[in-house]
Amino acid sequence: MNGTAMPEQTRILIVDDDEDFLFQHRIQLENAGFKVEAAGSRTQAEQAISSFTPDLAILDLMMEHHDDGFVLSHHLKRRFPNLPVILVTAVTSETGLVFDPASPEERSWIGA
């Protein structure tokens, strides 16, 4: 080694109850050079952040409970105020409802 420190990998937390989604995206992100912590539930994610500080979080909106993604997002933003959070969802295909936080009030409520 030449004494030059290796750059730290960007750490991504990805949370989804769909195992295929987790597997596919974890592999893609790791192959792109990111350090990935994958969790299949809000509870697993909350346990993971006790030893893993993410630089980015990618969260499923609806998991075991319909509000798990929102709850986890609020928890993460309280603990890591500058953490970017991406919410992914199939809520429209699952429920027929259109999820579009268009108004400033809606974006404020979810911290977007």
N, C-alpha and C. Protein backbone atom coordinates (compact mmCIF):
# COMPACT_ATOMS: atom_id res chain seq x y z
N MET A 1 0.84 -1.20 0.00
CA MET A 1 0.00 0.00 0.00
C MET A 1 0.87 1.24 0.00
N ASN A 2 0.36 2.28 -0.53
CA ASN A 2 1.13 3.51 -0.64
C ASN A 2 0.77 4.52 0.44
N GLY A 3 0.01 4.12 1.44
CA GLY A 3 -0.38 5.02 2.51
C GLY A 3 -1.61 5.84 2.22
N THR A 4 -2.16 5.71 1.02
CA THR A 4 -3.37 6.44 0.66
C THR A 4 -4.58 5.66 1.15
N ALA A 5 -5.45 6.35 1.87
CA ALA A 5 -6.65 5.70 2.40
C ALA A 5 -7.61 5.37 1.27
N MET A 6 -8.21 4.22 1.38
CA MET A 6 -9.23 3.83 0.40
C MET A 6 -10.48 4.67 0.65
N PRO A 7 -11.14 5.13 -0.41
CA PRO A 7 -12.38 5.89 -0.20
C PRO A 7 -13.44 4.98 0.42
N GLU A 8 -14.21 5.56 1.31
CA GLU A 8 -15.26 4.79 1.98
C GLU A 8 -16.42 4.57 1.01
N GLN A 9 -16.96 3.35 1.02
CA GLN A 9 -18.10 3.04 0.16
C GLN A 9 -19.34 3.76 0.66
N THR A 10 -20.17 4.20 -0.28
CA THR A 10 -21.47 4.75 0.06
C THR A 10 -22.34 3.61 0.58
N ARG A 11 -22.98 3.85 1.72
CA ARG A 11 -23.78 2.81 2.39
C ARG A 11 -25.27 3.03 2.10
N ILE A 12 -25.91 1.97 1.60
CA ILE A 12 -27.33 2.05 1.25
C ILE A 12 -28.11 1.03 2.07
N LEU A 13 -29.16 1.50 2.70
CA LEU A 13 -30.12 0.63 3.39
C LEU A 13 -31.29 0.43 2.45
N ILE A 14 -31.59 -0.82 2.15
CA ILE A 14 -32.74 -1.12 1.29
C ILE A 14 -33.68 -2.03 2.07
N VAL A 15 -34.95 -1.63 2.13
CA VAL A 15 -35.93 -2.34 2.95
C VAL A 15 -37.16 -2.64 2.12
N ASP A 16 -37.49 -3.93 2.03
CA ASP A 16 -38.66 -4.35 1.27
C ASP A 16 -39.03 -5.75 1.73
N ASP A 17 -40.31 -6.05 1.78
CA ASP A 17 -40.73 -7.40 2.18
C ASP A 17 -40.76 -8.36 1.00
N ASP A 18 -40.42 -7.88 -0.19
CA ASP A 18 -40.34 -8.72 -1.38
C ASP A 18 -38.89 -9.22 -1.51
N GLU A 19 -38.67 -10.50 -1.22
CA GLU A 19 -37.31 -11.06 -1.22
C GLU A 19 -36.64 -10.94 -2.59
N ASP A 20 -37.41 -11.11 -3.66
CA ASP A 20 -36.83 -11.00 -5.01
C ASP A 20 -36.34 -9.57 -5.28
N PHE A 21 -37.14 -8.59 -4.87
CA PHE A 21 -36.75 -7.18 -5.04
C PHE A 21 -35.46 -6.92 -4.28
N LEU A 22 -35.40 -7.38 -3.02
CA LEU A 22 -34.20 -7.18 -2.21
C LEU A 22 -32.98 -7.82 -2.86
N PHE A 23 -33.12 -9.08 -3.27
CA PHE A 23 -32.00 -9.81 -3.85
C PHE A 23 -31.49 -9.12 -5.11
N GLN A 24 -32.41 -8.81 -6.02
CA GLN A 24 -32.03 -8.20 -7.29
C GLN A 24 -31.34 -6.85 -7.08
N HIS A 25 -31.91 -6.00 -6.25
CA HIS A 25 -31.36 -4.66 -6.07
C HIS A 25 -30.08 -4.68 -5.24
N ARG A 26 -29.99 -5.58 -4.29
CA ARG A 26 -28.76 -5.70 -3.51
C ARG A 26 -27.60 -6.06 -4.44
N ILE A 27 -27.80 -7.06 -5.30
CA ILE A 27 -26.75 -7.48 -6.23
C ILE A 27 -26.35 -6.33 -7.16
N GLN A 28 -27.34 -5.64 -7.72
CA GLN A 28 -27.05 -4.53 -8.64
C GLN A 28 -26.27 -3.42 -7.94
N LEU A 29 -26.70 -3.07 -6.73
CA LEU A 29 -26.03 -1.98 -6.01
C LEU A 29 -24.63 -2.38 -5.57
N GLU A 30 -24.46 -3.61 -5.09
CA GLU A 30 -23.13 -4.07 -4.69
C GLU A 30 -22.20 -4.13 -5.90
N ASN A 31 -22.70 -4.58 -7.04
CA ASN A 31 -21.89 -4.62 -8.26
C ASN A 31 -21.50 -3.22 -8.73
N ALA A 32 -22.29 -2.23 -8.36
CA ALA A 32 -21.98 -0.84 -8.69
C ALA A 32 -21.03 -0.21 -7.68
N GLY A 33 -20.63 -0.98 -6.65
CA GLY A 33 -19.64 -0.50 -5.69
C GLY A 33 -20.19 0.02 -4.38
N PHE A 34 -21.49 -0.14 -4.14
CA PHE A 34 -22.08 0.34 -2.89
C PHE A 34 -22.03 -0.74 -1.82
N LYS A 35 -21.98 -0.31 -0.56
CA LYS A 35 -22.12 -1.22 0.57
C LYS A 35 -23.60 -1.24 0.91
N VAL A 36 -24.21 -2.42 0.89
CA VAL A 36 -25.66 -2.53 1.03
C VAL A 36 -26.03 -3.33 2.27
N GLU A 37 -26.98 -2.81 3.01
CA GLU A 37 -27.62 -3.55 4.11
C GLU A 37 -29.06 -3.74 3.68
N ALA A 38 -29.50 -4.98 3.56
CA ALA A 38 -30.87 -5.28 3.14
C ALA A 38 -31.66 -5.79 4.33
N ALA A 39 -32.91 -5.35 4.42
CA ALA A 39 -33.80 -5.78 5.50
C ALA A 39 -35.16 -6.09 4.90
N GLY A 40 -35.80 -7.14 5.41
CA GLY A 40 -37.09 -7.57 4.90
C GLY A 40 -38.27 -7.01 5.65
N SER A 41 -38.02 -6.17 6.66
CA SER A 41 -39.11 -5.59 7.44
C SER A 41 -38.63 -4.33 8.14
N ARG A 42 -39.59 -3.57 8.64
CA ARG A 42 -39.26 -2.37 9.41
C ARG A 42 -38.46 -2.75 10.64
N THR A 43 -38.85 -3.82 11.31
CA THR A 43 -38.15 -4.27 12.52
C THR A 43 -36.71 -4.62 12.21
N GLN A 44 -36.47 -5.36 11.13
CA GLN A 44 -35.11 -5.72 10.75
C GLN A 44 -34.29 -4.47 10.42
N ALA A 45 -34.90 -3.51 9.76
CA ALA A 45 -34.20 -2.27 9.41
C ALA A 45 -33.82 -1.50 10.66
N GLU A 46 -34.73 -1.41 11.62
CA GLU A 46 -34.43 -0.69 12.85
C GLU A 46 -33.31 -1.36 13.62
N GLN A 47 -33.24 -2.69 13.58
CA GLN A 47 -32.13 -3.41 14.20
C GLN A 47 -30.83 -3.14 13.45
N ALA A 48 -30.90 -3.11 12.12
CA ALA A 48 -29.70 -2.92 11.30
C ALA A 48 -29.04 -1.57 11.55
N ILE A 49 -29.84 -0.52 11.74
CA ILE A 49 -29.23 0.81 11.89
C ILE A 49 -28.57 1.01 13.24
N SER A 50 -28.67 0.02 14.13
CA SER A 50 -27.92 0.12 15.37
C SER A 50 -26.42 -0.06 15.11
N SER A 51 -26.07 -0.71 14.00
CA SER A 51 -24.66 -0.93 13.67
C SER A 51 -24.31 -0.50 12.24
N PHE A 52 -25.25 0.10 11.53
CA PHE A 52 -25.05 0.48 10.13
C PHE A 52 -25.64 1.86 9.94
N THR A 53 -24.81 2.83 9.58
CA THR A 53 -25.29 4.19 9.33
C THR A 53 -25.38 4.39 7.82
N PRO A 54 -26.59 4.46 7.29
CA PRO A 54 -26.74 4.59 5.84
C PRO A 54 -26.49 6.01 5.33
N ASP A 55 -26.06 6.06 4.07
CA ASP A 55 -25.95 7.34 3.36
C ASP A 55 -27.19 7.59 2.52
N LEU A 56 -27.96 6.52 2.27
CA LEU A 56 -29.19 6.57 1.49
C LEU A 56 -30.07 5.42 1.95
N ALA A 57 -31.37 5.65 2.01
CA ALA A 57 -32.32 4.59 2.34
C ALA A 57 -33.33 4.46 1.21
N ILE A 58 -33.58 3.22 0.81
CA ILE A 58 -34.60 2.90 -0.19
C ILE A 58 -35.62 2.02 0.52
N LEU A 59 -36.84 2.52 0.67
CA LEU A 59 -37.85 1.85 1.49
C LEU A 59 -39.11 1.52 0.70
N ASP A 60 -39.61 0.32 0.91
CA ASP A 60 -40.94 -0.03 0.41
C ASP A 60 -41.95 0.72 1.27
N LEU A 61 -42.97 1.25 0.66
CA LEU A 61 -43.98 2.00 1.39
C LEU A 61 -44.87 1.09 2.23
N MET A 62 -45.32 -0.01 1.63
CA MET A 62 -46.24 -0.93 2.31
C MET A 62 -45.56 -2.28 2.50
N MET A 63 -45.37 -2.65 3.76
CA MET A 63 -44.77 -3.95 4.06
C MET A 63 -45.75 -4.73 4.93
N GLU A 64 -45.28 -5.26 6.05
CA GLU A 64 -46.15 -6.05 6.92
C GLU A 64 -47.38 -5.26 7.34
N HIS A 65 -47.16 -4.01 7.73
CA HIS A 65 -48.25 -3.09 8.03
C HIS A 65 -48.26 -2.05 6.93
N HIS A 66 -49.43 -1.55 6.59
CA HIS A 66 -49.56 -0.63 5.45
C HIS A 66 -48.78 0.67 5.62
N ASP A 67 -48.47 1.04 6.85
CA ASP A 67 -47.75 2.30 7.07
C ASP A 67 -46.28 2.10 7.43
N ASP A 68 -45.74 0.88 7.29
CA ASP A 68 -44.37 0.60 7.70
C ASP A 68 -43.34 1.52 7.03
N GLY A 69 -43.49 1.78 5.75
CA GLY A 69 -42.53 2.64 5.06
C GLY A 69 -42.56 4.06 5.60
N PHE A 70 -43.75 4.60 5.84
CA PHE A 70 -43.86 5.93 6.43
C PHE A 70 -43.25 5.97 7.82
N VAL A 71 -43.60 4.99 8.64
CA VAL A 71 -43.10 4.96 10.02
C VAL A 71 -41.58 4.86 10.02
N LEU A 72 -41.04 3.97 9.21
CA LEU A 72 -39.59 3.82 9.14
C LEU A 72 -38.93 5.09 8.61
N SER A 73 -39.52 5.71 7.61
CA SER A 73 -38.98 6.95 7.07
C SER A 73 -38.90 8.03 8.15
N HIS A 74 -39.97 8.19 8.92
CA HIS A 74 -39.98 9.17 10.01
C HIS A 74 -38.91 8.83 11.04
N HIS A 75 -38.78 7.56 11.39
CA HIS A 75 -37.78 7.12 12.36
C HIS A 75 -36.37 7.44 11.85
N LEU A 76 -36.12 7.11 10.59
CA LEU A 76 -34.79 7.37 10.01
C LEU A 76 -34.49 8.86 9.95
N LYS A 77 -35.48 9.68 9.55
CA LYS A 77 -35.25 11.12 9.43
C LYS A 77 -35.04 11.78 10.79
N ARG A 78 -35.64 11.24 11.84
CA ARG A 78 -35.38 11.77 13.18
C ARG A 78 -33.94 11.45 13.59
N ARG A 79 -33.50 10.23 13.29
CA ARG A 79 -32.16 9.80 13.69
C ARG A 79 -31.08 10.38 12.78
N PHE A 80 -31.36 10.45 11.48
CA PHE A 80 -30.40 10.94 10.49
C PHE A 80 -31.09 12.04 9.66
N PRO A 81 -31.15 13.27 10.15
CA PRO A 81 -31.94 14.32 9.48
C PRO A 81 -31.55 14.59 8.03
N ASN A 82 -30.31 14.38 7.66
CA ASN A 82 -29.87 14.67 6.29
C ASN A 82 -29.89 13.45 5.38
N LEU A 83 -30.43 12.35 5.85
CA LEU A 83 -30.46 11.11 5.08
C LEU A 83 -31.47 11.21 3.94
N PRO A 84 -31.03 11.02 2.69
CA PRO A 84 -32.00 10.94 1.60
C PRO A 84 -32.78 9.63 1.70
N VAL A 85 -34.08 9.69 1.52
CA VAL A 85 -34.94 8.51 1.58
C VAL A 85 -35.74 8.43 0.28
N ILE A 86 -35.67 7.27 -0.37
CA ILE A 86 -36.46 7.01 -1.57
C ILE A 86 -37.53 6.00 -1.19
N LEU A 87 -38.79 6.36 -1.37
CA LEU A 87 -39.90 5.44 -1.12
C LEU A 87 -40.31 4.79 -2.43
N VAL A 88 -40.35 3.46 -2.44
CA VAL A 88 -40.82 2.72 -3.61
C VAL A 88 -42.11 2.02 -3.22
N THR A 89 -43.01 1.89 -4.17
CA THR A 89 -44.29 1.29 -3.82
C THR A 89 -45.00 0.71 -5.03
N ALA A 90 -45.78 -0.30 -4.76
CA ALA A 90 -46.70 -0.86 -5.74
C ALA A 90 -48.13 -0.58 -5.28
N VAL A 91 -48.29 0.50 -4.50
CA VAL A 91 -49.58 0.79 -3.89
C VAL A 91 -50.68 0.92 -4.93
N THR A 92 -50.40 1.50 -6.08
CA THR A 92 -51.42 1.65 -7.11
C THR A 92 -51.85 0.29 -7.64
N SER A 93 -50.89 -0.59 -7.92
CA SER A 93 -51.26 -1.92 -8.43
C SER A 93 -51.87 -2.79 -7.34
N GLU A 94 -51.53 -2.54 -6.08
CA GLU A 94 -52.08 -3.33 -4.98
C GLU A 94 -53.48 -2.87 -4.58
N THR A 95 -53.71 -1.56 -4.61
CA THR A 95 -54.97 -1.03 -4.07
C THR A 95 -55.82 -0.29 -5.09
N GLY A 96 -55.23 0.12 -6.20
CA GLY A 96 -55.94 0.94 -7.17
C GLY A 96 -55.89 2.42 -6.84
N LEU A 97 -55.35 2.77 -5.67
CA LEU A 97 -55.23 4.17 -5.27
C LEU A 97 -54.00 4.77 -5.92
N VAL A 98 -54.11 6.02 -6.32
CA VAL A 98 -52.97 6.72 -6.89
C VAL A 98 -52.24 7.42 -5.75
N PHE A 99 -50.96 7.09 -5.60
CA PHE A 99 -50.14 7.72 -4.56
C PHE A 99 -49.32 8.81 -5.21
N ASP A 100 -49.67 10.07 -4.91
CA ASP A 100 -48.96 11.19 -5.49
C ASP A 100 -48.97 12.34 -4.50
N PRO A 101 -47.91 12.47 -3.71
CA PRO A 101 -47.86 13.57 -2.75
C PRO A 101 -47.57 14.89 -3.48
N ALA A 102 -48.61 15.43 -4.11
CA ALA A 102 -48.43 16.59 -4.99
C ALA A 102 -48.43 17.92 -4.24
N SER A 103 -49.22 18.02 -3.19
CA SER A 103 -49.32 19.31 -2.52
C SER A 103 -48.17 19.48 -1.52
N PRO A 104 -47.84 20.73 -1.21
CA PRO A 104 -46.79 20.98 -0.22
C PRO A 104 -47.12 20.35 1.14
N GLU A 105 -48.41 20.35 1.51
CA GLU A 105 -48.81 19.75 2.78
C GLU A 105 -48.52 18.24 2.79
N GLU A 106 -48.84 17.56 1.69
CA GLU A 106 -48.59 16.12 1.61
C GLU A 106 -47.10 15.82 1.64
N ARG A 107 -46.31 16.61 0.91
CA ARG A 107 -44.86 16.39 0.90
C ARG A 107 -44.28 16.68 2.28
N SER A 108 -44.79 17.68 2.96
CA SER A 108 -44.31 18.01 4.30
C SER A 108 -44.62 16.89 5.27
N TRP A 109 -45.82 16.30 5.14
CA TRP A 109 -46.24 15.23 6.05
C TRP A 109 -45.31 14.03 5.96
N ILE A 110 -44.84 13.69 4.75
CA ILE A 110 -43.96 12.53 4.61
C ILE A 110 -42.48 12.94 4.65
N GLY A 111 -42.23 14.22 4.81
CA GLY A 111 -40.84 14.67 4.90
C GLY A 111 -40.12 14.70 3.57
N ALA A 112 -40.87 14.88 2.49
CA ALA A 112 -40.25 14.89 1.15
C ALA A 112 -39.88 16.30 0.75
